[in-house]
N, C-alpha and C. Protein backbone atom coordinates (compact mmCIF):
# COMPACT_ATOMS: atom_id res chain seq x y z
N UNK A 1 -3.40 11.83 -25.08
CA UNK A 1 -2.27 11.82 -24.18
C UNK A 1 -1.19 12.80 -24.65
N UNK A 2 -0.93 12.77 -25.95
CA UNK A 2 0.09 13.65 -26.51
C UNK A 2 -0.28 15.11 -26.27
N UNK A 3 -1.53 15.45 -26.50
CA UNK A 3 -1.96 16.85 -26.32
C UNK A 3 -1.89 17.28 -24.86
N UNK A 4 -2.18 16.38 -23.94
CA UNK A 4 -2.11 16.72 -22.52
C UNK A 4 -0.66 16.98 -22.11
N UNK A 5 0.26 16.13 -22.56
CA UNK A 5 1.67 16.34 -22.23
C UNK A 5 2.17 17.63 -22.87
N UNK A 6 1.78 17.88 -24.12
CA UNK A 6 2.18 19.13 -24.77
C UNK A 6 1.63 20.32 -23.98
N UNK A 7 0.36 20.27 -23.61
CA UNK A 7 -0.26 21.40 -22.90
C UNK A 7 0.37 21.61 -21.53
N UNK A 8 0.67 20.52 -20.82
CA UNK A 8 1.25 20.69 -19.48
C UNK A 8 2.62 21.35 -19.55
N UNK A 9 3.40 21.00 -20.55
CA UNK A 9 4.74 21.57 -20.65
C UNK A 9 4.79 22.82 -21.51
N UNK A 10 3.79 23.02 -22.37
CA UNK A 10 3.84 24.10 -23.34
C UNK A 10 2.97 25.30 -23.07
N UNK A 11 2.01 25.17 -22.19
CA UNK A 11 1.09 26.28 -21.92
C UNK A 11 1.25 26.69 -20.46
N UNK A 12 1.74 27.88 -20.26
CA UNK A 12 2.10 28.33 -18.92
C UNK A 12 0.91 28.38 -17.96
N UNK A 13 -0.30 28.39 -18.48
CA UNK A 13 -1.46 28.46 -17.60
C UNK A 13 -2.12 27.09 -17.38
N UNK A 14 -1.41 25.99 -17.68
CA UNK A 14 -1.97 24.65 -17.44
C UNK A 14 -1.06 23.78 -16.56
N UNK A 15 -0.57 24.30 -15.44
CA UNK A 15 0.32 23.49 -14.61
C UNK A 15 -0.39 22.39 -13.83
N UNK A 16 -1.70 22.38 -13.88
CA UNK A 16 -2.50 21.44 -13.10
C UNK A 16 -2.69 20.10 -13.81
N UNK A 17 -2.25 19.97 -15.04
CA UNK A 17 -2.46 18.73 -15.78
C UNK A 17 -1.61 17.59 -15.20
N UNK A 18 -2.10 16.35 -15.28
CA UNK A 18 -1.49 15.21 -14.58
C UNK A 18 -0.38 14.50 -15.36
N UNK A 19 0.75 15.14 -15.57
CA UNK A 19 1.80 14.56 -16.40
C UNK A 19 2.36 13.24 -15.92
N UNK A 20 2.87 13.18 -14.70
CA UNK A 20 3.52 11.97 -14.20
C UNK A 20 2.59 10.77 -14.22
N UNK A 21 1.42 10.94 -13.67
CA UNK A 21 0.48 9.81 -13.60
C UNK A 21 -0.01 9.40 -14.99
N UNK A 22 -0.17 10.36 -15.90
CA UNK A 22 -0.58 10.04 -17.26
C UNK A 22 0.50 9.23 -17.98
N UNK A 23 1.75 9.62 -17.80
CA UNK A 23 2.84 8.88 -18.43
C UNK A 23 2.91 7.44 -17.90
N UNK A 24 2.78 7.28 -16.59
CA UNK A 24 2.80 5.95 -15.99
C UNK A 24 1.63 5.12 -16.52
N UNK A 25 0.44 5.70 -16.50
CA UNK A 25 -0.75 4.98 -16.97
C UNK A 25 -0.62 4.60 -18.44
N UNK A 26 -0.05 5.49 -19.24
CA UNK A 26 0.16 5.19 -20.66
C UNK A 26 1.08 3.99 -20.83
N UNK A 27 2.16 3.96 -20.06
CA UNK A 27 3.06 2.82 -20.11
C UNK A 27 2.38 1.54 -19.68
N UNK A 28 1.54 1.64 -18.68
CA UNK A 28 0.81 0.48 -18.18
C UNK A 28 -0.15 -0.05 -19.24
N UNK A 29 -0.87 0.85 -19.90
CA UNK A 29 -1.78 0.43 -20.98
C UNK A 29 -1.00 -0.20 -22.12
N UNK A 30 0.19 0.31 -22.37
CA UNK A 30 1.03 -0.26 -23.42
C UNK A 30 1.43 -1.69 -23.06
N UNK A 31 1.71 -1.93 -21.80
CA UNK A 31 2.07 -3.28 -21.35
C UNK A 31 0.92 -4.26 -21.53
N UNK A 32 -0.29 -3.75 -21.49
CA UNK A 32 -1.46 -4.60 -21.66
C UNK A 32 -1.73 -4.89 -23.13
N UNK A 33 -0.92 -4.30 -24.01
CA UNK A 33 -1.02 -4.60 -25.43
C UNK A 33 -1.82 -3.62 -26.26
N UNK A 34 -2.33 -2.56 -25.65
CA UNK A 34 -3.17 -1.63 -26.40
C UNK A 34 -2.38 -0.55 -27.14
N UNK A 35 -1.10 -0.36 -26.78
CA UNK A 35 -0.27 0.67 -27.41
C UNK A 35 1.14 0.13 -27.62
N UNK A 36 1.77 0.48 -28.73
CA UNK A 36 3.16 0.12 -28.97
C UNK A 36 4.03 1.03 -28.10
N UNK A 37 4.85 0.46 -27.23
CA UNK A 37 5.60 1.26 -26.26
C UNK A 37 6.62 2.18 -26.93
N UNK A 38 7.23 1.76 -28.03
CA UNK A 38 8.21 2.62 -28.70
C UNK A 38 7.53 3.84 -29.32
N UNK A 39 6.41 3.63 -29.98
CA UNK A 39 5.65 4.74 -30.58
C UNK A 39 5.13 5.66 -29.47
N UNK A 40 4.64 5.06 -28.41
CA UNK A 40 4.14 5.83 -27.27
C UNK A 40 5.25 6.70 -26.68
N UNK A 41 6.39 6.10 -26.40
CA UNK A 41 7.51 6.84 -25.82
C UNK A 41 7.93 8.00 -26.73
N UNK A 42 8.15 7.71 -28.00
CA UNK A 42 8.60 8.76 -28.91
C UNK A 42 7.57 9.88 -29.02
N UNK A 43 6.30 9.52 -29.14
CA UNK A 43 5.24 10.53 -29.27
C UNK A 43 5.15 11.43 -28.04
N UNK A 44 5.21 10.83 -26.86
CA UNK A 44 5.11 11.61 -25.63
C UNK A 44 6.38 12.43 -25.39
N UNK A 45 7.55 11.87 -25.74
CA UNK A 45 8.78 12.65 -25.62
C UNK A 45 8.73 13.86 -26.56
N UNK A 46 8.30 13.63 -27.81
CA UNK A 46 8.21 14.73 -28.78
C UNK A 46 7.25 15.80 -28.28
N UNK A 47 6.12 15.38 -27.71
CA UNK A 47 5.15 16.35 -27.18
C UNK A 47 5.76 17.16 -26.04
N UNK A 48 6.53 16.50 -25.17
CA UNK A 48 7.14 17.22 -24.05
C UNK A 48 8.21 18.19 -24.55
N UNK A 49 8.99 17.78 -25.53
CA UNK A 49 10.04 18.64 -26.08
C UNK A 49 9.44 19.83 -26.83
N UNK A 50 8.44 19.56 -27.67
CA UNK A 50 7.78 20.65 -28.40
C UNK A 50 7.04 21.59 -27.45
N UNK A 51 6.43 21.03 -26.42
CA UNK A 51 5.75 21.86 -25.42
C UNK A 51 6.72 22.77 -24.70
N UNK A 52 7.84 22.21 -24.27
CA UNK A 52 8.87 23.02 -23.61
C UNK A 52 9.34 24.15 -24.51
N UNK A 53 9.58 23.82 -25.77
CA UNK A 53 10.07 24.83 -26.71
C UNK A 53 9.04 25.91 -26.96
N UNK A 54 7.79 25.53 -27.08
CA UNK A 54 6.72 26.52 -27.25
C UNK A 54 6.69 27.46 -26.05
N UNK A 55 6.75 26.88 -24.87
CA UNK A 55 6.69 27.67 -23.64
C UNK A 55 7.91 28.59 -23.51
N UNK A 56 9.08 28.10 -23.92
CA UNK A 56 10.29 28.92 -23.90
C UNK A 56 10.10 30.15 -24.79
N UNK A 57 9.64 29.94 -26.02
CA UNK A 57 9.51 31.07 -26.96
C UNK A 57 8.40 32.02 -26.56
N UNK A 58 7.33 31.50 -25.97
CA UNK A 58 6.28 32.39 -25.44
C UNK A 58 6.88 33.26 -24.34
N UNK A 59 7.64 32.65 -23.43
CA UNK A 59 8.30 33.42 -22.39
C UNK A 59 9.28 34.43 -22.95
N UNK A 60 10.02 34.03 -23.96
CA UNK A 60 11.03 34.88 -24.58
C UNK A 60 10.41 36.13 -25.20
N UNK A 61 9.34 35.94 -25.96
CA UNK A 61 8.74 37.06 -26.69
C UNK A 61 7.61 37.77 -25.96
N UNK A 62 6.85 37.03 -25.16
CA UNK A 62 5.66 37.62 -24.53
C UNK A 62 5.67 37.60 -23.01
N UNK A 63 6.65 36.93 -22.42
CA UNK A 63 6.65 36.70 -20.98
C UNK A 63 6.49 37.93 -20.13
N UNK A 64 7.27 38.97 -20.41
CA UNK A 64 7.19 40.18 -19.60
C UNK A 64 5.81 40.82 -19.67
N UNK A 65 5.17 40.74 -20.83
CA UNK A 65 3.83 41.32 -20.99
C UNK A 65 2.77 40.47 -20.29
N UNK A 66 3.01 39.16 -20.23
CA UNK A 66 2.02 38.25 -19.65
C UNK A 66 2.02 38.27 -18.13
N UNK A 67 3.21 38.33 -17.53
CA UNK A 67 3.32 38.30 -16.07
C UNK A 67 2.75 39.61 -15.53
N UNK A 68 1.83 39.50 -14.63
CA UNK A 68 1.20 40.68 -14.05
C UNK A 68 -0.03 41.16 -14.80
N UNK A 69 -0.30 40.58 -15.96
CA UNK A 69 -1.50 40.93 -16.73
C UNK A 69 -2.69 40.20 -16.11
N UNK A 70 -3.65 40.96 -15.63
CA UNK A 70 -4.79 40.35 -14.92
C UNK A 70 -5.68 39.51 -15.82
N UNK A 71 -5.57 39.68 -17.13
CA UNK A 71 -6.39 38.91 -18.07
C UNK A 71 -5.81 37.51 -18.33
N UNK A 72 -4.56 37.31 -17.94
CA UNK A 72 -3.89 36.03 -18.18
C UNK A 72 -3.63 35.37 -16.83
N UNK A 73 -4.18 34.16 -16.63
CA UNK A 73 -4.07 33.50 -15.32
C UNK A 73 -2.71 32.88 -15.05
N UNK A 74 -1.73 33.72 -14.73
CA UNK A 74 -0.39 33.22 -14.36
C UNK A 74 -0.14 33.61 -12.92
N UNK A 75 0.16 32.62 -12.11
CA UNK A 75 0.39 32.84 -10.69
C UNK A 75 1.81 33.37 -10.47
N UNK A 76 1.91 34.59 -9.99
CA UNK A 76 3.22 35.23 -9.78
C UNK A 76 4.09 34.44 -8.81
N UNK A 77 3.49 33.81 -7.81
CA UNK A 77 4.30 33.05 -6.86
C UNK A 77 4.96 31.85 -7.53
N UNK A 78 4.28 31.24 -8.53
CA UNK A 78 4.90 30.13 -9.27
C UNK A 78 6.10 30.63 -10.07
N UNK A 79 5.96 31.81 -10.66
CA UNK A 79 7.07 32.41 -11.41
C UNK A 79 8.24 32.67 -10.46
N UNK A 80 7.95 33.27 -9.30
CA UNK A 80 8.99 33.59 -8.32
C UNK A 80 9.72 32.34 -7.84
N UNK A 81 8.96 31.28 -7.54
CA UNK A 81 9.57 30.04 -7.06
C UNK A 81 10.46 29.42 -8.14
N UNK A 82 10.01 29.49 -9.38
CA UNK A 82 10.80 28.93 -10.47
C UNK A 82 12.06 29.74 -10.69
N UNK A 83 11.97 31.07 -10.60
CA UNK A 83 13.16 31.91 -10.73
C UNK A 83 14.16 31.59 -9.61
N UNK A 84 13.67 31.37 -8.41
CA UNK A 84 14.54 31.00 -7.29
C UNK A 84 15.22 29.66 -7.58
N UNK A 85 14.46 28.73 -8.13
CA UNK A 85 15.00 27.41 -8.48
C UNK A 85 16.12 27.58 -9.51
N UNK A 86 15.92 28.46 -10.50
CA UNK A 86 16.96 28.73 -11.50
C UNK A 86 18.21 29.32 -10.86
N UNK A 87 18.02 30.23 -9.92
CA UNK A 87 19.17 30.84 -9.25
C UNK A 87 19.98 29.79 -8.49
N UNK A 88 19.28 28.82 -7.94
CA UNK A 88 19.94 27.79 -7.14
C UNK A 88 20.61 26.71 -8.01
N UNK A 89 19.93 26.28 -9.07
CA UNK A 89 20.40 25.13 -9.85
C UNK A 89 20.85 25.44 -11.27
N UNK A 90 20.66 26.66 -11.73
CA UNK A 90 21.11 27.04 -13.07
C UNK A 90 20.41 26.24 -14.16
N UNK A 91 21.18 25.90 -15.19
CA UNK A 91 20.64 25.21 -16.37
C UNK A 91 20.03 23.85 -16.02
N UNK A 92 20.55 23.22 -14.96
CA UNK A 92 20.02 21.91 -14.55
C UNK A 92 18.54 21.99 -14.20
N UNK A 93 18.06 23.20 -13.93
CA UNK A 93 16.65 23.38 -13.61
C UNK A 93 15.76 22.78 -14.69
N UNK A 94 16.17 22.90 -15.94
CA UNK A 94 15.35 22.40 -17.05
C UNK A 94 15.16 20.89 -16.93
N UNK A 95 16.17 20.17 -16.47
CA UNK A 95 16.04 18.72 -16.28
C UNK A 95 15.32 18.43 -14.97
N UNK A 96 15.75 19.03 -13.88
CA UNK A 96 15.16 18.76 -12.56
C UNK A 96 13.68 19.11 -12.52
N UNK A 97 13.30 20.18 -13.19
CA UNK A 97 11.91 20.64 -13.17
C UNK A 97 10.96 19.62 -13.78
N UNK A 98 11.46 18.79 -14.67
CA UNK A 98 10.60 17.77 -15.29
C UNK A 98 9.94 16.88 -14.23
N UNK A 99 10.60 16.73 -13.12
CA UNK A 99 10.11 15.82 -12.08
C UNK A 99 9.37 16.55 -10.97
N UNK A 100 9.06 17.82 -11.20
CA UNK A 100 8.38 18.62 -10.18
C UNK A 100 7.14 19.28 -10.79
N UNK A 101 5.96 18.79 -10.43
CA UNK A 101 4.75 19.42 -10.96
C UNK A 101 4.77 20.92 -10.69
N UNK A 102 4.16 21.66 -11.53
CA UNK A 102 4.06 23.12 -11.52
C UNK A 102 5.38 23.74 -11.98
N UNK A 103 6.49 23.42 -11.31
CA UNK A 103 7.79 23.96 -11.75
C UNK A 103 8.06 23.50 -13.18
N UNK A 104 7.66 22.27 -13.50
CA UNK A 104 7.83 21.71 -14.84
C UNK A 104 7.19 22.62 -15.90
N UNK A 105 6.05 23.19 -15.58
CA UNK A 105 5.35 24.06 -16.52
C UNK A 105 5.99 25.44 -16.62
N UNK A 106 6.47 25.95 -15.51
CA UNK A 106 6.98 27.32 -15.49
C UNK A 106 8.45 27.44 -15.88
N UNK A 107 9.24 26.38 -15.76
CA UNK A 107 10.68 26.46 -16.04
C UNK A 107 10.98 26.93 -17.46
N UNK A 108 10.36 26.37 -18.49
CA UNK A 108 10.67 26.85 -19.84
C UNK A 108 10.26 28.31 -20.05
N UNK A 109 9.14 28.69 -19.49
CA UNK A 109 8.63 30.06 -19.60
C UNK A 109 9.61 31.03 -18.95
N UNK A 110 10.06 30.71 -17.75
CA UNK A 110 11.00 31.56 -17.03
C UNK A 110 12.36 31.57 -17.75
N UNK A 111 12.76 30.44 -18.31
CA UNK A 111 14.01 30.41 -19.09
C UNK A 111 13.92 31.35 -20.28
N UNK A 112 12.76 31.40 -20.90
CA UNK A 112 12.55 32.32 -22.02
C UNK A 112 12.57 33.77 -21.58
N UNK A 113 11.90 34.06 -20.47
CA UNK A 113 11.90 35.43 -19.93
C UNK A 113 13.32 35.85 -19.60
N UNK A 114 14.08 34.93 -18.98
CA UNK A 114 15.44 35.23 -18.56
C UNK A 114 16.46 35.19 -19.69
N UNK A 115 15.99 34.91 -20.89
CA UNK A 115 16.86 34.88 -22.07
C UNK A 115 17.98 33.83 -21.95
N UNK A 116 17.63 32.69 -21.34
CA UNK A 116 18.59 31.58 -21.33
C UNK A 116 18.96 31.29 -22.78
N UNK A 117 20.22 31.03 -23.03
CA UNK A 117 20.66 30.75 -24.40
C UNK A 117 19.88 29.56 -24.93
N UNK A 118 19.26 29.72 -26.10
CA UNK A 118 18.36 28.69 -26.63
C UNK A 118 19.07 27.35 -26.82
N UNK A 119 20.27 27.35 -27.30
CA UNK A 119 20.99 26.09 -27.52
C UNK A 119 21.11 25.31 -26.21
N UNK A 120 21.42 25.98 -25.13
CA UNK A 120 21.51 25.32 -23.82
C UNK A 120 20.14 24.81 -23.39
N UNK A 121 19.14 25.68 -23.54
CA UNK A 121 17.78 25.29 -23.16
C UNK A 121 17.36 24.03 -23.92
N UNK A 122 17.53 24.04 -25.25
CA UNK A 122 17.09 22.92 -26.07
C UNK A 122 17.80 21.63 -25.68
N UNK A 123 19.09 21.71 -25.40
CA UNK A 123 19.85 20.52 -25.01
C UNK A 123 19.34 19.95 -23.69
N UNK A 124 19.16 20.80 -22.70
CA UNK A 124 18.67 20.33 -21.40
C UNK A 124 17.23 19.85 -21.49
N UNK A 125 16.43 20.50 -22.31
CA UNK A 125 15.04 20.08 -22.51
C UNK A 125 14.98 18.72 -23.20
N UNK A 126 15.83 18.53 -24.18
CA UNK A 126 15.90 17.27 -24.92
C UNK A 126 16.15 16.11 -23.95
N UNK A 127 17.21 16.23 -23.16
CA UNK A 127 17.56 15.15 -22.24
C UNK A 127 16.61 15.06 -21.05
N UNK A 128 16.13 16.20 -20.58
CA UNK A 128 15.15 16.18 -19.50
C UNK A 128 13.88 15.45 -19.90
N UNK A 129 13.43 15.70 -21.12
CA UNK A 129 12.24 15.02 -21.64
C UNK A 129 12.46 13.53 -21.78
N UNK A 130 13.64 13.15 -22.29
CA UNK A 130 13.95 11.72 -22.40
C UNK A 130 13.90 11.03 -21.04
N UNK A 131 14.50 11.67 -20.04
CA UNK A 131 14.51 11.08 -18.70
C UNK A 131 13.11 11.00 -18.10
N UNK A 132 12.38 12.11 -18.17
CA UNK A 132 11.05 12.17 -17.56
C UNK A 132 10.08 11.20 -18.22
N UNK A 133 9.94 11.32 -19.53
CA UNK A 133 9.01 10.44 -20.24
C UNK A 133 9.47 8.99 -20.12
N UNK A 134 10.76 8.76 -20.30
CA UNK A 134 11.28 7.40 -20.22
C UNK A 134 11.04 6.75 -18.87
N UNK A 135 11.34 7.48 -17.80
CA UNK A 135 11.16 6.92 -16.46
C UNK A 135 9.72 6.50 -16.22
N UNK A 136 8.79 7.39 -16.47
CA UNK A 136 7.39 7.08 -16.13
C UNK A 136 6.74 6.11 -17.12
N UNK A 137 6.99 6.27 -18.41
CA UNK A 137 6.39 5.36 -19.39
C UNK A 137 6.92 3.94 -19.18
N UNK A 138 8.24 3.81 -19.05
CA UNK A 138 8.79 2.46 -18.92
C UNK A 138 8.54 1.86 -17.54
N UNK A 139 8.40 2.69 -16.51
CA UNK A 139 7.98 2.16 -15.20
C UNK A 139 6.58 1.58 -15.33
N UNK A 140 5.69 2.31 -15.96
CA UNK A 140 4.34 1.80 -16.19
C UNK A 140 4.35 0.54 -17.04
N UNK A 141 5.19 0.53 -18.05
CA UNK A 141 5.26 -0.62 -18.96
C UNK A 141 5.78 -1.87 -18.24
N UNK A 142 6.86 -1.72 -17.49
CA UNK A 142 7.46 -2.88 -16.84
C UNK A 142 6.71 -3.34 -15.59
N UNK A 143 6.12 -2.39 -14.88
CA UNK A 143 5.39 -2.77 -13.66
C UNK A 143 3.90 -2.97 -13.91
N UNK A 144 3.43 -2.59 -15.08
CA UNK A 144 1.99 -2.64 -15.38
C UNK A 144 1.38 -4.03 -15.39
N UNK A 145 2.18 -5.05 -15.63
CA UNK A 145 1.65 -6.41 -15.65
C UNK A 145 1.75 -7.12 -14.31
N UNK A 146 2.32 -6.47 -13.33
CA UNK A 146 2.39 -7.07 -12.00
C UNK A 146 0.98 -7.00 -11.40
N UNK A 147 0.42 -8.15 -11.02
CA UNK A 147 -0.98 -8.17 -10.57
C UNK A 147 -1.29 -7.16 -9.46
N UNK A 148 -0.40 -7.02 -8.49
CA UNK A 148 -0.64 -6.09 -7.39
C UNK A 148 -0.83 -4.66 -7.92
N UNK A 149 -0.02 -4.27 -8.87
CA UNK A 149 -0.12 -2.92 -9.43
C UNK A 149 -1.32 -2.81 -10.36
N UNK A 150 -1.46 -3.79 -11.26
CA UNK A 150 -2.57 -3.77 -12.22
C UNK A 150 -3.92 -3.77 -11.50
N UNK A 151 -4.05 -4.56 -10.46
CA UNK A 151 -5.32 -4.68 -9.75
C UNK A 151 -5.61 -3.51 -8.82
N UNK A 152 -4.62 -2.69 -8.57
CA UNK A 152 -4.78 -1.51 -7.70
C UNK A 152 -4.39 -0.24 -8.45
N UNK A 153 -4.80 -0.17 -9.69
CA UNK A 153 -4.41 0.92 -10.58
C UNK A 153 -4.70 2.30 -9.98
N UNK A 154 -5.89 2.51 -9.48
CA UNK A 154 -6.26 3.83 -8.91
C UNK A 154 -5.35 4.20 -7.74
N UNK A 155 -5.07 3.25 -6.90
CA UNK A 155 -4.20 3.51 -5.75
C UNK A 155 -2.78 3.86 -6.21
N UNK A 156 -2.30 3.14 -7.21
CA UNK A 156 -0.96 3.41 -7.74
C UNK A 156 -0.89 4.83 -8.31
N UNK A 157 -1.90 5.23 -9.06
CA UNK A 157 -1.93 6.58 -9.63
C UNK A 157 -1.96 7.62 -8.52
N UNK A 158 -2.76 7.39 -7.49
CA UNK A 158 -2.80 8.33 -6.36
C UNK A 158 -1.44 8.41 -5.65
N UNK A 159 -0.76 7.28 -5.53
CA UNK A 159 0.58 7.27 -4.93
C UNK A 159 1.58 8.07 -5.77
N UNK A 160 1.49 7.92 -7.08
CA UNK A 160 2.38 8.69 -7.97
C UNK A 160 2.13 10.18 -7.79
N UNK A 161 0.87 10.56 -7.74
CA UNK A 161 0.53 11.97 -7.52
C UNK A 161 1.07 12.44 -6.17
N UNK A 162 0.88 11.62 -5.14
CA UNK A 162 1.36 11.99 -3.80
C UNK A 162 2.88 12.16 -3.78
N UNK A 163 3.59 11.23 -4.39
CA UNK A 163 5.05 11.33 -4.43
C UNK A 163 5.48 12.56 -5.23
N UNK A 164 4.76 12.87 -6.29
CA UNK A 164 5.10 14.03 -7.12
C UNK A 164 4.96 15.35 -6.38
N UNK A 165 3.96 15.45 -5.53
CA UNK A 165 3.72 16.73 -4.84
C UNK A 165 4.37 16.79 -3.45
N UNK A 166 4.91 15.68 -2.98
CA UNK A 166 5.52 15.65 -1.65
C UNK A 166 6.62 16.70 -1.46
N UNK A 167 7.56 16.88 -2.41
CA UNK A 167 8.59 17.91 -2.19
C UNK A 167 8.00 19.30 -1.98
N UNK A 168 6.97 19.64 -2.72
CA UNK A 168 6.34 20.96 -2.56
C UNK A 168 5.67 21.07 -1.19
N UNK A 169 5.02 20.01 -0.75
CA UNK A 169 4.35 20.02 0.55
C UNK A 169 5.39 20.17 1.67
N UNK A 170 6.49 19.44 1.56
CA UNK A 170 7.55 19.53 2.58
C UNK A 170 8.10 20.95 2.64
N UNK A 171 8.29 21.55 1.49
CA UNK A 171 8.82 22.92 1.45
C UNK A 171 7.86 23.90 2.12
N UNK A 172 6.56 23.74 1.88
CA UNK A 172 5.56 24.62 2.50
C UNK A 172 5.55 24.42 4.01
N UNK A 173 5.65 23.17 4.46
CA UNK A 173 5.64 22.88 5.89
C UNK A 173 6.87 23.47 6.58
N UNK A 174 8.02 23.41 5.92
CA UNK A 174 9.25 23.96 6.49
C UNK A 174 9.17 25.46 6.70
N UNK A 175 8.39 26.14 5.89
CA UNK A 175 8.25 27.60 6.04
C UNK A 175 7.40 27.87 7.23
């Protein structure tokens, strides 16, 4: 779980990994007694923070060389959308992006390319990770023992995925 969260936030070419649903499922498994929720939360938060920081520094030092390089699978439209998001929301993008699949992966990379001041980036990443990991892990933990949710685990995970991608779908439909 830790490696998946690190990879989703830390590797610019892995935006397809299931962060939100994995965090919820992890919290749910913790509620069933298989994982200590405090250790789980801290481990996943640390993975998200370290992943963000890795992605920031990759963007900072290698980003310009990577974008447009046909050997590296980076979708230019994802970069463009994330840059637009930064123009609209500024530093808050680092926190808001945590709750948006795909943008979550590209925001630290674009912040690095754009030379966002590292101290600001780290602060927003720190709190964004706390909010993102905390919301989904503890939602899974507290709701995981409710029979309706526990007995319909697959449906709940699919609903989380659907809710996560709904803003992107709405935006595409509006165009």
